[in-house]
Protein backbone atom coordinates (compact mmCIF):
# COMPACT_ATOMS: atom_id res chain seq x y z
CA MET A 1 104.04 173.14 127.70
CA THR A 2 107.19 172.36 129.54
CA ASN A 3 110.60 174.71 130.21
CA LEU A 4 112.05 172.34 127.29
CA PRO A 5 116.35 171.96 127.73
CA LYS A 6 119.05 172.15 125.10
CA GLU A 7 118.72 170.97 121.69
CA LEU A 8 119.34 167.22 121.42
CA VAL A 9 119.04 166.53 117.41
CA LYS A 10 118.96 168.99 114.67
CA ILE A 11 117.86 167.89 111.58
CA THR A 12 118.71 170.22 108.30
CA HIS A 13 117.82 169.79 104.55
CA LEU A 14 117.30 166.21 105.06
CA ARG A 15 116.15 164.45 101.62
CA THR A 16 116.18 160.82 101.20
CA GLU A 17 115.06 158.97 97.82
CA PHE A 18 113.93 155.74 96.56
CA HIS A 19 114.86 154.89 93.00
CA ILE A 20 112.05 152.21 91.97
CA PRO A 21 111.32 151.15 88.19
CA GLU A 22 108.64 154.36 87.86
CA GLY A 23 111.03 157.15 89.20
CA VAL A 24 112.45 158.74 92.06
CA VAL A 25 110.37 158.92 94.99
CA PRO A 26 111.59 161.99 97.33
CA ALA A 27 110.20 159.97 100.37
CA VAL A 28 111.55 162.93 102.24
CA ASN A 29 111.97 166.44 101.18
CA ASN A 30 114.06 169.15 102.42
CA VAL A 31 112.78 168.50 106.14
CA ASN A 32 114.22 170.40 109.19
CA PHE A 33 113.10 170.14 112.52
CA ASN A 34 115.05 169.80 116.12
CA ILE A 35 114.21 168.17 118.71
CA GLN A 36 114.78 169.67 122.55
CA ALA A 37 116.34 166.93 125.13
CA GLY A 38 112.92 165.87 127.48
CA GLU A 39 110.87 167.04 124.30
CA THR A 40 108.00 164.78 122.60
CA LEU A 41 107.78 165.89 119.27
CA SER A 42 105.10 164.25 117.31
CA ILE A 43 105.41 163.55 113.55
CA ILE A 44 102.24 163.32 111.70
CA GLY A 45 100.16 162.75 108.09
CA GLU A 46 98.55 160.45 106.48
CA SER A 47 100.39 157.14 105.20
CA GLY A 48 103.31 157.19 102.76
CA CYS A 49 103.60 161.19 103.67
CA GLY A 50 107.29 160.39 104.99
CA LYS A 51 106.97 159.87 108.68
CA SER A 52 108.56 156.64 109.15
CA VAL A 53 111.51 157.23 106.40
CA THR A 54 112.66 160.33 108.76
CA ALA A 55 112.71 158.14 111.63
CA LEU A 56 114.64 155.29 109.48
CA SER A 57 117.18 157.97 108.04
CA ILE A 58 117.82 159.40 111.55
CA MET A 59 119.08 155.75 112.48
CA ARG A 60 120.82 155.44 109.21
CA LEU A 61 118.40 151.83 108.57
CA ILE A 62 117.07 153.11 105.00
CA PRO A 63 117.58 150.18 102.94
CA ASP A 64 120.47 151.00 100.17
CA PRO A 65 119.59 150.19 97.27
CA PRO A 66 116.72 151.52 96.86
CA GLY A 67 117.05 154.13 99.18
CA LYS A 68 119.35 156.44 99.82
CA ILE A 69 119.99 159.70 102.37
CA VAL A 70 121.34 161.95 99.60
CA SER A 71 121.61 165.64 101.27
CA GLY A 72 121.26 166.92 104.70
CA ASN A 73 122.63 166.94 108.22
CA ILE A 74 121.18 164.65 111.20
CA ASN A 75 123.11 166.28 114.38
CA PHE A 76 122.73 164.35 117.55
CA GLU A 77 124.09 166.12 120.16
CA GLY A 78 126.61 167.87 118.20
CA VAL A 79 127.82 164.80 116.35
CA ASP A 80 126.40 164.47 112.52
CA LEU A 81 124.94 160.87 112.26
CA LEU A 82 125.25 160.81 108.34
CA LYS A 83 129.39 161.31 108.68
CA LEU A 84 129.79 158.45 111.16
CA PRO A 85 131.15 155.22 110.01
CA MET A 86 128.50 152.32 110.31
CA SER A 87 130.91 150.80 113.26
CA LYS A 88 130.16 153.87 115.27
CA MET A 89 126.54 154.37 114.24
CA ARG A 90 126.18 150.72 115.50
CA GLU A 91 127.30 151.81 118.83
CA ILE A 92 124.52 154.56 119.26
CA ARG A 93 121.80 152.47 117.91
CA GLY A 94 119.94 151.04 120.87
CA ASN A 95 122.18 152.67 122.88
CA LYS A 96 121.51 156.32 122.70
CA ILE A 97 119.14 156.51 120.16
CA ALA A 98 116.72 153.69 120.37
CA MET A 99 113.52 152.87 117.91
CA ILE A 100 110.19 150.98 118.80
CA PHE A 101 109.15 149.60 115.63
CA GLN A 102 105.68 149.55 114.08
CA GLU A 103 105.00 145.78 114.09
CA PRO A 104 107.02 143.92 116.96
CA MET A 105 106.21 140.43 114.68
CA THR A 106 108.48 141.81 112.32
CA SER A 107 110.98 143.17 114.48
CA LEU A 108 111.64 140.83 116.97
CA ASN A 109 113.54 137.55 115.92
CA PRO A 110 111.07 134.83 116.16
CA LEU A 111 113.86 132.47 116.72
CA TYR A 112 115.26 133.47 120.05
CA THR A 113 113.26 133.86 123.39
CA VAL A 114 112.57 137.46 124.24
CA GLY A 115 115.10 137.42 127.23
CA ASN A 116 118.06 136.69 124.72
CA GLN A 117 116.95 139.37 122.46
CA ILE A 118 116.73 142.06 125.51
CA SER A 119 120.49 140.48 126.88
CA GLU A 120 121.76 141.29 123.71
CA VAL A 121 121.58 144.92 124.30
CA TYR A 122 123.33 144.52 127.26
CA LEU A 123 125.92 142.58 125.87
CA GLU A 124 126.76 144.81 122.97
CA HIS A 125 126.53 148.23 124.44
CA LYS A 126 127.08 147.67 128.21
CA GLY A 127 129.52 144.61 128.41
CA TYR A 128 127.52 142.64 131.06
CA ASN A 129 128.41 139.04 131.35
CA TYR A 130 125.29 136.63 130.44
CA LYS A 131 123.76 136.35 134.14
CA ASP A 132 124.17 140.21 134.81
CA ALA A 133 122.17 140.61 131.20
CA TRP A 134 119.87 138.51 131.33
CA ASP A 135 118.73 139.59 135.23
CA ASN A 136 118.50 142.90 133.70
CA SER A 137 116.36 141.79 130.96
CA VAL A 138 113.92 140.16 133.56
CA ASN A 139 113.91 143.15 135.55
CA ILE A 140 112.85 145.51 132.49
CA LEU A 141 110.32 143.33 131.59
CA GLY A 142 108.81 144.01 134.77
CA LYS A 143 109.18 147.58 134.54
CA VAL A 144 107.03 147.63 131.57
CA GLY A 145 104.55 145.71 133.01
CA ILE A 146 104.73 142.37 132.03
CA PRO A 147 103.72 139.54 134.35
CA SER A 148 106.04 136.98 135.67
CA PRO A 149 108.46 138.44 133.71
CA GLU A 150 110.82 135.45 134.51
CA GLU A 151 108.64 133.37 132.99
CA ARG A 152 107.81 135.49 130.19
CA ALA A 153 111.63 136.22 129.26
CA HIS A 154 111.47 132.46 128.20
CA GLU A 155 108.94 132.87 125.79
CA TYR A 156 108.96 133.37 122.21
CA ILE A 157 107.21 136.18 120.40
CA HIS A 158 104.58 133.27 118.84
CA GLU A 159 103.81 132.97 122.60
CA MET A 160 102.50 136.44 123.55
CA SER A 161 100.14 138.82 122.84
CA GLY A 162 100.38 141.69 120.69
CA GLY A 163 100.20 144.07 123.51
CA MET A 164 102.83 141.88 125.53
CA ARG A 165 105.20 141.88 121.85
CA GLN A 166 104.69 145.70 121.75
CA ARG A 167 105.85 145.66 125.82
CA ALA A 168 108.80 143.51 124.87
CA MET A 169 109.66 145.73 122.34
CA ILE A 170 109.75 148.49 124.28
CA ALA A 171 111.59 147.04 127.46
CA MET A 172 114.25 146.27 124.62
CA ALA A 173 114.25 149.98 123.62
CA LEU A 174 114.69 151.41 127.09
CA ALA A 175 117.51 148.50 128.22
CA CYS A 176 120.65 151.28 128.11
CA SER A 177 118.13 154.29 128.92
CA PRO A 178 118.29 156.00 125.26
CA ARG A 179 118.76 159.78 125.34
CA LEU A 180 116.15 159.55 122.21
CA LEU A 181 113.33 157.02 121.75
CA ILE A 182 112.07 157.16 118.51
CA ALA A 183 108.28 155.36 118.44
CA ASP A 184 106.79 154.64 115.17
CA GLU A 185 103.43 153.83 115.68
CA PRO A 186 103.71 152.13 118.79
CA THR A 187 99.81 151.51 119.42
CA THR A 188 98.60 150.90 116.14
CA ALA A 189 98.26 147.17 116.43
CA VAL A 190 96.65 147.22 119.73
CA ASP A 191 93.36 147.77 121.38
CA VAL A 192 92.55 151.15 123.04
CA THR A 193 92.85 149.85 126.33
CA ILE A 194 96.60 148.32 125.72
CA GLN A 195 97.31 151.91 124.06
CA ASN A 196 96.84 153.69 126.91
CA GLN A 197 98.58 151.52 128.92
CA ILE A 198 101.40 151.84 126.28
CA LEU A 199 101.51 155.89 126.44
CA ASN A 200 101.27 155.78 130.19
CA LEU A 201 104.18 153.57 130.38
CA MET A 202 105.88 155.62 127.48
CA ARG A 203 105.57 158.94 129.61
CA ASP A 204 106.52 157.40 133.16
CA LEU A 205 109.76 156.06 131.82
CA GLN A 206 110.34 159.53 129.70
CA ALA A 207 109.85 161.24 133.28
CA SER A 208 112.03 159.06 135.01
CA THR A 209 115.14 159.13 132.60
CA GLY A 210 114.36 162.57 130.96
CA ALA A 211 114.51 161.01 127.53
CA ALA A 212 113.22 162.67 123.97
CA ILE A 213 110.43 161.06 122.44
CA LEU A 214 110.15 161.26 118.28
CA LEU A 215 106.70 159.74 118.29
CA ILE A 216 105.35 158.90 114.77
CA THR A 217 101.44 158.65 114.07
CA HIS A 218 99.00 159.53 112.36
CA ASN A 219 96.20 159.43 115.47
CA PHE A 220 95.69 162.64 116.80
CA GLY A 221 94.48 161.38 119.96
CA VAL A 222 97.68 160.03 120.86
CA VAL A 223 99.14 163.54 119.86
CA ALA A 224 96.70 165.30 121.52
CA GLU A 225 97.98 163.04 124.78
CA MET A 226 101.27 162.87 124.43
CA ALA A 227 103.47 165.51 122.39
CA ASP A 228 104.73 169.06 123.16
CA ARG A 229 104.92 170.06 119.53
CA VAL A 230 103.61 168.65 116.19
CA ILE A 231 104.82 168.48 113.00
CA VAL A 232 102.80 168.45 110.09
CA MET A 233 103.79 165.82 107.11
CA TYR A 234 102.44 166.00 103.33
CA LEU A 235 104.07 164.43 100.44
CA GLY A 236 107.35 163.99 102.10
CA HIS A 237 107.42 167.94 103.08
CA ALA A 238 106.85 169.21 106.25
CA VAL A 239 104.29 171.49 105.98
CA GLU A 240 103.93 172.73 109.43
CA ASP A 241 105.46 173.17 113.11
CA ALA A 242 104.18 174.02 116.20
CA ASP A 243 103.30 173.48 119.60
CA VAL A 244 100.68 170.52 120.16
CA ASP A 245 97.91 173.59 121.65
CA SER A 246 98.59 176.05 118.51
CA ILE A 247 98.04 173.19 115.84
CA PHE A 248 94.71 172.15 117.81
CA ASP A 249 93.46 175.42 118.24
CA LYS A 250 95.30 177.47 115.57
CA PRO A 251 96.14 175.04 112.60
CA LEU A 252 97.82 177.33 109.75
CA HIS A 253 98.05 174.90 106.82
CA PRO A 254 94.73 173.74 104.78
CA TYR A 255 96.46 170.50 105.06
CA THR A 256 96.44 170.37 108.65
CA ARG A 257 93.16 172.17 109.06
CA GLY A 258 91.69 169.30 106.53
CA LEU A 259 93.08 166.56 108.76
CA ILE A 260 91.69 167.92 111.86
CA GLY A 261 88.33 168.98 110.51
CA CYS A 262 88.08 165.06 109.68
CA ILE A 263 88.35 164.36 113.61
CA PRO A 264 84.83 163.65 114.97
CA PHE A 265 83.09 165.29 117.86
CA PRO A 266 79.96 164.54 119.92
CA GLY A 267 76.95 165.34 117.95
CA ARG A 268 78.47 164.56 114.45
CA LYS A 269 80.75 167.38 113.88
CA SER A 270 84.61 167.95 113.51
CA LEU A 271 86.96 169.28 116.03
CA LEU A 272 87.76 172.44 113.89
CA GLY A 273 85.17 175.02 115.13
CA LYS A 274 82.47 172.11 115.69
CA LYS A 275 81.55 172.26 111.97
CA PRO A 276 80.33 169.59 110.08
CA LEU A 277 82.59 166.46 109.28
CA GLN A 278 84.42 167.41 106.15
CA GLU A 279 86.71 165.26 103.87
CA ILE A 280 90.05 166.26 102.17
CA PRO A 281 89.32 166.68 98.46
CA GLY A 282 90.82 164.85 95.67
CA ILE A 283 93.53 162.28 96.28
CA VAL A 284 97.23 162.08 97.25
CA PRO A 285 99.43 162.31 94.23
CA SER A 286 101.81 159.65 93.25
CA MET A 287 105.27 160.19 94.95
CA TYR A 288 107.05 160.01 91.83
CA GLU A 289 104.71 162.49 89.92
CA LEU A 290 104.70 165.61 92.34
CA PRO A 291 103.01 168.86 91.44
CA GLU A 292 105.18 171.88 90.89
CA GLY A 293 104.65 174.34 93.39
CA CYS A 294 103.06 173.72 96.66
CA VAL A 295 102.57 169.81 96.70
CA PHE A 296 98.81 170.48 98.32
CA HIS A 297 97.70 172.88 95.55
CA PRO A 298 95.88 170.29 93.86
CA ARG A 299 93.25 169.67 96.77
CA CYS A 300 93.42 173.36 98.87
CA ARG A 301 90.42 174.99 97.80
CA TRP A 302 92.50 178.35 98.88
CA ALA A 303 95.11 177.40 95.72
CA LYS A 304 95.99 180.48 93.58
CA ASP A 305 98.60 180.98 91.01
CA ILE A 306 101.14 181.56 93.14
CA CYS A 307 100.97 177.90 94.82
CA ARG A 308 100.39 176.21 91.24
CA LYS A 309 104.08 177.60 90.75
CA GLN A 310 106.18 178.52 93.24
CA ALA A 311 106.84 176.15 96.62
CA PRO A 312 106.43 177.84 99.84
CA GLU A 313 109.18 177.61 102.29
CA LEU A 314 108.91 176.61 106.11
CA VAL A 315 108.75 180.28 108.13
CA GLU A 316 108.08 180.76 111.13
CA THR A 317 104.48 183.14 110.60
CA GLU A 318 104.08 184.06 114.56
CA LYS A 319 106.26 183.02 117.62
CA GLY A 320 107.25 179.35 117.61
CA HIS A 321 104.85 178.68 114.70
CA LYS A 322 106.18 177.64 111.34
CA VAL A 323 104.20 177.02 108.62
CA ALA A 324 104.87 176.25 104.36
CA CYS A 325 101.45 177.75 102.77
CA TRP A 326 101.40 181.43 100.82
CA LYS A 327 98.25 181.95 102.20
CA ALA A 328 99.48 181.80 105.88
CA VAL A 329 102.14 183.98 104.93
CA GLU A 330 100.00 186.24 102.85
CA LYS A 331 97.48 186.78 105.18
CA TRP A 332 94.59 186.03 102.24
CA VAL A 333 91.29 186.70 103.32
């Protein structure tokens, strides 16, 4: 673990809801965490657990309606982003906070060349003239490993491969050297070779700029490769928060243990104690019909009466290791 400097982001009691015909979906439910400058924090969990909604809440890109941030604070460099007028928020987006979206084909504009789209960032946030904006766009395309960047800058996204599109999106996100880079499943749509190149690129650029990274993923391999600290989410709740070594070596929450128990290890065994692979029993409940008490108790083999009646708080049980679990807090045998 690297010695990490001051706190860059502090999120407290964040709740983001979606109002749909079936009811109210608390996609992010009373989530608390912070990110230090220069740190890589990973949020991991199954699809639909609230990872991407957390990232979009930080960017204030929740579609309203049906979604809305109903409570909490998102402090960035001492300023609560939720209290800023949207004009000020637009000055921060793409400048101090940038995001790599999960699918470039739906996030980049198919009607403009890649060079024009990156140039917009420089024109909007740096006040460059068009020539300087274009020259800088070509330069950063080269920095992210795109060959012949002068030619590629004139291409549209449909003319590029998946890896090229993802690199173009990373180039756009890094154009203004953001203080916080949010990467939402940045390697999902590419093969393993390109995945490794993208992770190396993010790591190198972080080392050169000192940016913090919020990495959204469901891939524990990517977490092991990149993260300093990990938050595990389940049904909109943060259920565990610890450094990456503790998450792999001593997971405390039954859900975290279940996820790691699903990671294959040579010999058809799991990474967790080299035991046989085991699936997490049951299915994820509906978000608009959450169980009472601990949201994980219907799938937990250690569940007791208190788990079914009262939701545990995320508390520190060991130094730097927080967990929302009655078993972990009360040390059940």
